[in-house]
Amino acid sequence: MRTILNIIWFVCGGFVMGLGWWLAGLLAAISIIGIPWARACFMFGNFCFRPFGREAIDRRELTGRGDLGTGALGFVGNVVWFLLAGVWLAIGHIGSAVACFATIIGIPFGIQHVKLALCALAPVGKTVVTGEEAAAARRRNATYTRL
């Protein structure tokens, strides 16, 4: 089922938004200081091509420890990203979501666009994993929280 949803998604808008992410990544990579954002753009561009069966998750939640992108520098990076490119990618995803929500068949695709719009606002410190890996990380973190 995921494969069918990903194929329909790719043909009906995922390709265009994935190219938008890659374009933002290419522009970020041209400037040397934009390389951390470029990495996130290419990762989320690939995620945008095939979102069903995968999830964006905070790296701290996945690994259980912080890193450069999940701390204060990651916050600053997300603020800069939001001002320069994040808001535009989010608007593109929200516009696509509204178009998808116009039909009953498009509702799952609209939901994915909304999730990607949230990722577009603050991608630094996040990574893309399979749904099973994300669920396992959440179970593991819930177990540690209860102890």
C-alpha atoms as a PDB file:
ATOM      1  CA  MET A   1       0.000   0.000   0.000  1.00  0.00           C
ATOM      2  CA  ARG A   2       2.871   2.390   0.814  1.00  0.00           C
ATOM      3  CA  THR A   3       4.307   1.886  -2.651  1.00  0.00           C
ATOM      4  CA  ILE A   4       1.008   2.775  -4.335  1.00  0.00           C
ATOM      5  CA  LEU A   5       0.576   5.854  -2.127  1.00  0.00           C
ATOM      6  CA  ASN A   6       4.163   6.959  -2.823  1.00  0.00           C
ATOM      7  CA  ILE A   7       3.672   6.584  -6.592  1.00  0.00           C
ATOM      8  CA  ILE A   8       0.435   8.600  -6.557  1.00  0.00           C
ATOM      9  CA  TRP A   9       2.091  11.167  -4.259  1.00  0.00           C
ATOM     10  CA  PHE A  10       5.119  11.514  -6.563  1.00  0.00           C
ATOM     11  CA  VAL A  11       2.976  12.083  -9.643  1.00  0.00           C
ATOM     12  CA  CYS A  12       0.468  14.423  -7.964  1.00  0.00           C
ATOM     13  CA  GLY A  13       2.728  16.990  -6.332  1.00  0.00           C
ATOM     14  CA  GLY A  14       5.497  15.282  -4.409  1.00  0.00           C
ATOM     15  CA  PHE A  15       7.904  15.637  -7.312  1.00  0.00           C
ATOM     16  CA  VAL A  16       7.417  19.401  -7.568  1.00  0.00           C
ATOM     17  CA  MET A  17       7.816  20.009  -3.825  1.00  0.00           C
ATOM     18  CA  GLY A  18      10.826  17.672  -3.687  1.00  0.00           C
ATOM     19  CA  LEU A  19      12.437  19.747  -6.425  1.00  0.00           C
ATOM     20  CA  GLY A  20      11.668  22.854  -4.363  1.00  0.00           C
ATOM     21  CA  TRP A  21      13.547  21.361  -1.416  1.00  0.00           C
ATOM     22  CA  TRP A  22      16.452  20.404  -3.673  1.00  0.00           C
ATOM     23  CA  LEU A  23      16.556  23.905  -5.180  1.00  0.00           C
ATOM     24  CA  ALA A  24      16.720  25.401  -1.687  1.00  0.00           C
ATOM     25  CA  GLY A  25      19.506  22.921  -0.875  1.00  0.00           C
ATOM     26  CA  LEU A  26      21.422  23.833  -4.004  1.00  0.00           C
ATOM     27  CA  LEU A  27      21.187  27.540  -3.190  1.00  0.00           C
ATOM     28  CA  ALA A  28      22.315  26.861   0.382  1.00  0.00           C
ATOM     29  CA  ALA A  29      25.232  24.707  -0.792  1.00  0.00           C
ATOM     30  CA  ILE A  30      26.514  27.437  -3.110  1.00  0.00           C
ATOM     31  CA  SER A  31      27.383  29.515  -0.073  1.00  0.00           C
ATOM     32  CA  ILE A  32      29.830  27.679   2.137  1.00  0.00           C
ATOM     33  CA  ILE A  33      28.040  28.664   5.346  1.00  0.00           C
ATOM     34  CA  GLY A  34      24.773  27.172   4.029  1.00  0.00           C
ATOM     35  CA  ILE A  35      26.063  23.590   3.882  1.00  0.00           C
ATOM     36  CA  PRO A  36      24.286  22.427   7.098  1.00  0.00           C
ATOM     37  CA  TRP A  37      20.989  23.662   5.677  1.00  0.00           C
ATOM     38  CA  ALA A  38      21.771  22.086   2.314  1.00  0.00           C
ATOM     39  CA  ARG A  39      22.165  18.680   3.983  1.00  0.00           C
ATOM     40  CA  ALA A  40      18.753  19.054   5.613  1.00  0.00           C
ATOM     41  CA  CYS A  41      17.211  20.210   2.312  1.00  0.00           C
ATOM     42  CA  PHE A  42      18.447  17.209   0.368  1.00  0.00           C
ATOM     43  CA  MET A  43      17.335  14.824   3.116  1.00  0.00           C
ATOM     44  CA  PHE A  44      13.842  16.358   3.237  1.00  0.00           C
ATOM     45  CA  GLY A  45      13.729  16.580  -0.562  1.00  0.00           C
ATOM     46  CA  ASN A  46      14.221  12.826  -0.715  1.00  0.00           C
ATOM     47  CA  PHE A  47      11.618  12.440   2.029  1.00  0.00           C
ATOM     48  CA  CYS A  48       9.253  14.579  -0.035  1.00  0.00           C
ATOM     49  CA  PHE A  49       9.608  12.198  -2.986  1.00  0.00           C
ATOM     50  CA  ARG A  50       8.503   9.163  -0.884  1.00  0.00           C
ATOM     51  CA  PRO A  51       6.917  10.169   2.441  1.00  0.00           C
ATOM     52  CA  PHE A  52       4.636   7.215   3.107  1.00  0.00           C
ATOM     53  CA  GLY A  53       6.170   4.705   5.506  1.00  0.00           C
ATOM     54  CA  ARG A  54       8.755   7.186   6.771  1.00  0.00           C
ATOM     55  CA  GLU A  55       8.734   9.902   9.437  1.00  0.00           C
ATOM     56  CA  ALA A  56      10.700  12.976  10.371  1.00  0.00           C
ATOM     57  CA  ILE A  57      11.899  12.721  13.961  1.00  0.00           C
ATOM     58  CA  ASP A  58      14.087  14.819  16.233  1.00  0.00           C
ATOM     59  CA  ARG A  59      17.598  13.328  16.380  1.00  0.00           C
ATOM     60  CA  ARG A  60      17.625  13.712  20.173  1.00  0.00           C
ATOM     61  CA  GLU A  61      14.474  11.616  20.353  1.00  0.00           C
ATOM     62  CA  LEU A  62      15.987   9.017  18.019  1.00  0.00           C
ATOM     63  CA  THR A  63      19.426   8.658  19.595  1.00  0.00           C
ATOM     64  CA  GLY A  64      18.696   9.668  23.166  1.00  0.00           C
ATOM     65  CA  ARG A  65      21.468  12.270  23.205  1.00  0.00           C
ATOM     66  CA  GLY A  66      21.888  15.789  21.912  1.00  0.00           C
ATOM     67  CA  ASP A  67      24.189  16.982  19.174  1.00  0.00           C
ATOM     68  CA  LEU A  68      25.083  20.256  17.467  1.00  0.00           C
ATOM     69  CA  GLY A  69      21.804  20.461  15.555  1.00  0.00           C
ATOM     70  CA  THR A  70      19.553  19.672  18.513  1.00  0.00           C
ATOM     71  CA  GLY A  71      21.013  22.263  20.898  1.00  0.00           C
ATOM     72  CA  ALA A  72      21.243  26.044  20.955  1.00  0.00           C
ATOM     73  CA  LEU A  73      23.101  26.224  17.622  1.00  0.00           C
ATOM     74  CA  GLY A  74      20.353  24.153  16.024  1.00  0.00           C
ATOM     75  CA  PHE A  75      17.773  26.617  17.330  1.00  0.00           C
ATOM     76  CA  VAL A  76      19.696  29.538  15.817  1.00  0.00           C
ATOM     77  CA  GLY A  77      20.044  27.587  12.567  1.00  0.00           C
ATOM     78  CA  ASN A  78      16.298  26.987  12.474  1.00  0.00           C
ATOM     79  CA  VAL A  79      15.565  30.693  13.043  1.00  0.00           C
ATOM     80  CA  VAL A  80      17.856  31.667  10.151  1.00  0.00           C
ATOM     81  CA  TRP A  81      16.356  28.901   8.003  1.00  0.00           C
ATOM     82  CA  PHE A  82      12.793  30.029   8.799  1.00  0.00           C
ATOM     83  CA  LEU A  83      13.522  33.602   7.759  1.00  0.00           C
ATOM     84  CA  LEU A  84      15.342  32.742   4.522  1.00  0.00           C
ATOM     85  CA  ALA A  85      13.644  29.668   3.066  1.00  0.00           C
ATOM     86  CA  GLY A  86      11.489  27.763   5.526  1.00  0.00           C
ATOM     87  CA  VAL A  87       8.453  29.970   5.328  1.00  0.00           C
ATOM     88  CA  TRP A  88       8.391  29.723   1.502  1.00  0.00           C
ATOM     89  CA  LEU A  89       8.614  25.937   1.455  1.00  0.00           C
ATOM     90  CA  ALA A  90       5.946  25.759   4.147  1.00  0.00           C
ATOM     91  CA  ILE A  91       3.644  27.992   2.086  1.00  0.00           C
ATOM     92  CA  GLY A  92       4.180  25.694  -0.916  1.00  0.00           C
ATOM     93  CA  HIS A  93       3.259  22.641   1.150  1.00  0.00           C
ATOM     94  CA  ILE A  94       0.216  24.334   2.685  1.00  0.00           C
ATOM     95  CA  GLY A  95      -0.983  25.398  -0.774  1.00  0.00           C
ATOM     96  CA  SER A  96      -0.547  21.834  -2.005  1.00  0.00           C
ATOM     97  CA  ALA A  97      -2.346  20.523   1.094  1.00  0.00           C
ATOM     98  CA  VAL A  98      -5.341  22.778   0.458  1.00  0.00           C
ATOM     99  CA  ALA A  99      -5.530  21.490  -3.123  1.00  0.00           C
ATOM    100  CA  CYS A 100      -5.320  17.890  -1.900  1.00  0.00           C
ATOM    101  CA  PHE A 101      -7.992  18.408   0.756  1.00  0.00           C
ATOM    102  CA  ALA A 102     -10.431  19.450  -1.996  1.00  0.00           C
ATOM    103  CA  THR A 103     -11.051  15.761  -2.747  1.00  0.00           C
ATOM    104  CA  ILE A 104     -11.667  12.820  -0.450  1.00  0.00           C
ATOM    105  CA  ILE A 105      -8.963  10.787  -2.177  1.00  0.00           C
ATOM    106  CA  GLY A 106      -6.453  13.603  -1.618  1.00  0.00           C
ATOM    107  CA  ILE A 107      -6.863  13.763   2.174  1.00  0.00           C
ATOM    108  CA  PRO A 108      -3.908  11.436   3.002  1.00  0.00           C
ATOM    109  CA  PHE A 109      -1.742  13.480   0.645  1.00  0.00           C
ATOM    110  CA  GLY A 110      -2.878  16.735   2.241  1.00  0.00           C
ATOM    111  CA  ILE A 111      -1.950  15.357   5.664  1.00  0.00           C
ATOM    112  CA  GLN A 112       1.553  14.536   4.382  1.00  0.00           C
ATOM    113  CA  HIS A 113       1.896  18.063   2.989  1.00  0.00           C
ATOM    114  CA  VAL A 114       0.974  19.519   6.387  1.00  0.00           C
ATOM    115  CA  LYS A 115       3.607  17.309   8.067  1.00  0.00           C
ATOM    116  CA  LEU A 116       6.197  18.439   5.524  1.00  0.00           C
ATOM    117  CA  ALA A 117       5.183  22.085   6.039  1.00  0.00           C
ATOM    118  CA  LEU A 118       5.992  21.690   9.739  1.00  0.00           C
ATOM    119  CA  CYS A 119       9.343  20.153   8.791  1.00  0.00           C
ATOM    120  CA  ALA A 120       9.980  23.076   6.445  1.00  0.00           C
ATOM    121  CA  LEU A 121       9.686  25.531   9.320  1.00  0.00           C
ATOM    122  CA  ALA A 122      12.495  23.948  11.392  1.00  0.00           C
ATOM    123  CA  PRO A 123      14.432  21.120   9.694  1.00  0.00           C
ATOM    124  CA  VAL A 124      17.743  21.440  11.573  1.00  0.00           C
ATOM    125  CA  GLY A 125      18.078  18.730  14.220  1.00  0.00           C
ATOM    126  CA  LYS A 126      15.644  16.364  12.523  1.00  0.00           C
ATOM    127  CA  THR A 127      16.233  13.210  10.529  1.00  0.00           C
ATOM    128  CA  VAL A 128      14.058  10.905   8.442  1.00  0.00           C
ATOM    129  CA  VAL A 129      13.620   7.268   9.470  1.00  0.00           C
ATOM    130  CA  THR A 130      11.150   4.481   8.798  1.00  0.00           C
ATOM    131  CA  GLY A 131       7.933   4.535  10.752  1.00  0.00           C
ATOM    132  CA  GLU A 132       9.041   1.425  12.642  1.00  0.00           C
ATOM    133  CA  GLU A 133      12.294   3.063  13.769  1.00  0.00           C
ATOM    134  CA  ALA A 134      10.421   6.161  14.935  1.00  0.00           C
ATOM    135  CA  ALA A 135       7.919   4.065  16.889  1.00  0.00           C
ATOM    136  CA  ALA A 136      10.739   2.069  18.506  1.00  0.00           C
ATOM    137  CA  ALA A 137      12.514   5.281  19.547  1.00  0.00           C
ATOM    138  CA  ARG A 138       9.318   6.649  21.068  1.00  0.00           C
ATOM    139  CA  ARG A 139       8.718   3.395  22.980  1.00  0.00           C
ATOM    140  CA  ARG A 140      12.311   3.420  24.225  1.00  0.00           C
ATOM    141  CA  ASN A 141      12.021   7.035  25.374  1.00  0.00           C
ATOM    142  CA  ALA A 142       8.699   6.359  27.075  1.00  0.00           C
ATOM    143  CA  THR A 143      10.289   3.453  28.966  1.00  0.00           C
ATOM    144  CA  TYR A 144      13.158   5.659  30.175  1.00  0.00           C
ATOM    145  CA  THR A 145      10.749   8.384  31.206  1.00  0.00           C
ATOM    146  CA  ARG A 146       8.752   6.022  33.437  1.00  0.00           C
ATOM    147  CA  LEU A 147      11.843   4.738  35.265  1.00  0.00           C
END
